[in-house]
Structure formats: C-alpha cells, structure tokens
Protein backbone atom coordinates (compact mmCIF):
# COMPACT_ATOMS: atom_id res chain seq x y z
CA MET A 1 -11.12 -19.98 119.14
CA ARG A 2 -10.65 -17.47 116.39
CA GLU A 3 -11.79 -13.90 116.82
CA ARG A 4 -13.82 -12.42 113.95
CA ARG A 5 -12.70 -9.19 112.39
CA LEU A 6 -15.03 -6.53 111.07
CA LYS A 7 -14.59 -5.46 107.50
CA ASN A 8 -14.57 -1.71 106.92
CA GLU A 9 -14.95 -1.93 103.15
CA ILE A 10 -17.96 -1.19 101.00
CA ASN A 11 -18.67 -3.50 98.15
CA VAL A 12 -19.07 -1.15 95.15
CA VAL A 13 -19.73 -3.80 92.51
CA PRO A 14 -23.56 -3.61 92.85
CA TYR A 15 -23.42 0.19 92.51
CA ILE A 16 -21.34 -0.09 89.34
CA ASP A 17 -23.85 -2.59 87.91
CA VAL A 18 -26.76 -0.24 88.62
CA MET A 19 -24.92 2.70 87.02
CA LEU A 20 -24.14 0.69 83.89
CA VAL A 21 -27.79 -0.35 83.54
CA LEU A 22 -28.88 3.28 83.90
CA LEU A 23 -26.30 4.34 81.32
CA VAL A 24 -27.64 1.81 78.82
CA ILE A 25 -31.23 2.95 79.47
CA PHE A 26 -30.32 6.61 78.86
CA MET A 27 -28.33 5.73 75.73
CA VAL A 28 -31.31 3.86 74.28
CA THR A 29 -33.94 6.48 75.16
CA ALA A 30 -31.95 9.63 74.21
CA PRO A 31 -32.37 9.26 70.42
CA MET A 32 -36.12 8.71 70.86
CA MET A 33 -36.66 12.10 72.52
CA THR A 34 -38.07 14.74 70.20
CA THR A 35 -36.67 18.24 70.22
CA ALA A 36 -38.89 21.25 69.70
CA SER A 37 -38.36 23.32 66.56
CA ILE A 38 -39.29 26.95 66.35
CA ASP A 39 -40.37 28.52 63.07
CA VAL A 40 -39.26 32.12 63.35
CA PRO A 41 -41.76 34.37 61.55
CA SER A 42 -40.60 36.46 58.64
CA VAL A 43 -41.13 40.18 58.79
CA GLY A 44 -43.92 41.27 56.47
CA LYS A 45 -43.74 44.96 57.29
CA ALA A 46 -40.80 46.54 59.07
CA ALA A 47 -40.65 49.99 60.59
CA GLN A 48 -38.29 52.45 58.97
CA ALA A 49 -34.87 52.37 60.65
CA PRO A 50 -33.60 55.67 62.10
CA ASP A 51 -31.07 57.45 59.86
CA LYS A 52 -28.61 58.52 62.55
CA ALA A 53 -28.42 55.23 64.47
CA VAL A 54 -25.31 53.54 65.79
CA GLN A 55 -25.07 50.06 64.26
CA VAL A 56 -23.63 47.07 66.10
CA ASN A 57 -22.79 44.43 63.49
CA ILE A 58 -22.59 40.77 64.51
CA ARG A 59 -21.01 38.49 61.90
CA GLU A 60 -21.75 34.79 61.46
CA ASP A 61 -18.52 33.84 63.28
CA GLY A 62 -19.43 36.13 66.22
CA ALA A 63 -17.08 38.98 65.29
CA LEU A 64 -18.35 42.40 66.37
CA SER A 65 -18.00 45.76 64.66
CA LEU A 66 -19.43 49.22 65.13
CA THR A 67 -20.67 51.70 62.54
CA LEU A 68 -21.16 55.24 63.79
CA PRO A 69 -23.37 57.63 61.79
CA GLY A 70 -21.38 59.05 58.87
CA LYS A 71 -18.31 56.90 59.57
CA SER A 72 -17.01 53.57 58.31
CA GLU A 73 -17.30 50.22 60.05
CA GLN A 74 -14.67 49.39 62.70
CA ALA A 75 -13.99 45.89 64.05
CA MET A 76 -13.95 45.84 67.86
CA SER A 77 -13.90 43.51 70.83
CA ARG A 78 -16.94 43.35 73.11
CA GLN A 79 -15.31 45.59 75.71
CA GLU A 80 -14.23 48.22 73.14
CA LEU A 81 -17.71 48.14 71.63
CA THR A 82 -19.32 48.76 75.00
CA GLN A 83 -16.96 51.65 75.77
CA ALA A 84 -17.60 53.28 72.37
CA ILE A 85 -21.39 53.04 72.76
CA VAL A 86 -21.22 54.43 76.30
CA ALA A 87 -19.16 57.36 74.97
CA VAL A 88 -21.75 58.05 72.24
CA GLN A 89 -24.60 57.75 74.75
CA ARG A 90 -22.85 60.23 77.07
CA ASP A 91 -23.13 62.91 74.36
CA ASN A 92 -26.67 61.95 73.30
CA PRO A 93 -28.63 59.64 75.67
CA GLU A 94 -31.45 59.26 73.11
CA GLN A 95 -29.09 58.01 70.37
CA PRO A 96 -30.70 54.85 68.88
CA VAL A 97 -28.59 51.68 68.66
CA LEU A 98 -29.42 49.08 66.01
CA ILE A 99 -28.17 45.51 66.24
CA VAL A 100 -27.47 44.13 62.78
CA GLY A 101 -27.17 40.36 63.16
CA ASP A 102 -26.22 38.06 60.31
CA LYS A 103 -29.00 35.69 59.28
CA ARG A 104 -26.97 32.68 60.43
CA VAL A 105 -25.64 34.16 63.68
CA LYS A 106 -26.55 32.35 66.89
CA TYR A 107 -29.49 33.83 68.77
CA GLU A 108 -27.41 33.75 71.94
CA ALA A 109 -24.85 36.16 70.43
CA VAL A 110 -27.54 38.74 69.67
CA LEU A 111 -29.06 38.38 73.14
CA SER A 112 -25.71 38.76 74.86
CA VAL A 113 -25.07 42.03 73.00
CA MET A 114 -28.59 43.25 73.88
CA ASP A 115 -28.00 42.28 77.52
CA GLU A 116 -24.70 44.16 77.62
CA LEU A 117 -26.35 47.27 76.15
CA GLN A 118 -29.15 47.03 78.71
CA ARG A 119 -26.60 46.81 81.53
CA GLN A 120 -25.04 50.04 80.23
CA GLN A 121 -28.50 51.74 80.40
CA VAL A 122 -28.82 52.22 76.63
CA LYS A 123 -32.44 53.33 76.21
CA ARG A 124 -33.18 52.84 72.51
CA VAL A 125 -32.05 49.44 71.19
CA GLY A 126 -33.56 47.84 68.09
CA LEU A 127 -32.96 45.03 65.62
CA LEU A 128 -32.40 45.86 61.97
CA VAL A 129 -34.50 43.62 59.72
CA GLN A 130 -35.40 43.56 56.06
CA PRO A 131 -38.94 43.21 54.82
CA THR A 132 -39.77 39.93 53.06
CA GLY A 133 -40.16 41.56 49.64
CA GLN A 134 -36.50 42.61 49.40
C-alpha cells in the first residue's frame, strides 16, 4: 500500500487568469472615462499691485527668481529664495510678496511656492495678474 503525500503548493494559474481578465477590463474601460476640465476665469478687474513688493517669478520650466524692490531679478533655488524672503520679512514683516507665475506654468508649482511662503509665516502673499484689456 502506497502512502499519500500532501502537496504544500498553491496553484497560481487561476489567480493569473483572473488578473489578466481584470487587466483587459481596465484597459478597455480607461479610454471611455471622461476627465473634468476646468475653465479658469479671466480677470476682468484686478486690484492695483503694491509698488514696493517682493516678486517671486516662476518660469514655464519651473525656474525660480526673486526681484527685490529697486533691484534686478536674481535666479535662485527654492531654498535660497525662502532664505532671502525670510531675511526681507525679518526687517519688515508687512512686506508684500507677489507671485508672478508664467501663463503656462503648472498650477502645482505656484501652490508649492505659496505653501512654502505660508510655512515661513509670510503674511501678505498675492498673485500678480493682468486685466483682460491689456
């Protein structure tokens, strides 16, 4: 009489079949999903920008630069930019900071700069915009 042995293996073939069917279903349904589009409103009337504001410039490629009142624009890294703004805010805590984002810059880049300024307790942060008529 032959003794039966227990198998300790799991048959994974049915699991692979199920995963392949799910993959095909997701591949077929993904192009059918609609994505939401947001129409950003244009600015009909913009408030006058402060004259003595520090300007944080964000280029289309994500490069950052800083323009201090009465000085020329200087390219900086994010850390250098934060340190320079903190130094300006130390002298004048009410110094306004304007974020000048390129029209084609990613929204996330502008928000990350705003978030960094908020973490540094910068009180007056604004976005520089142009009225529609210009």
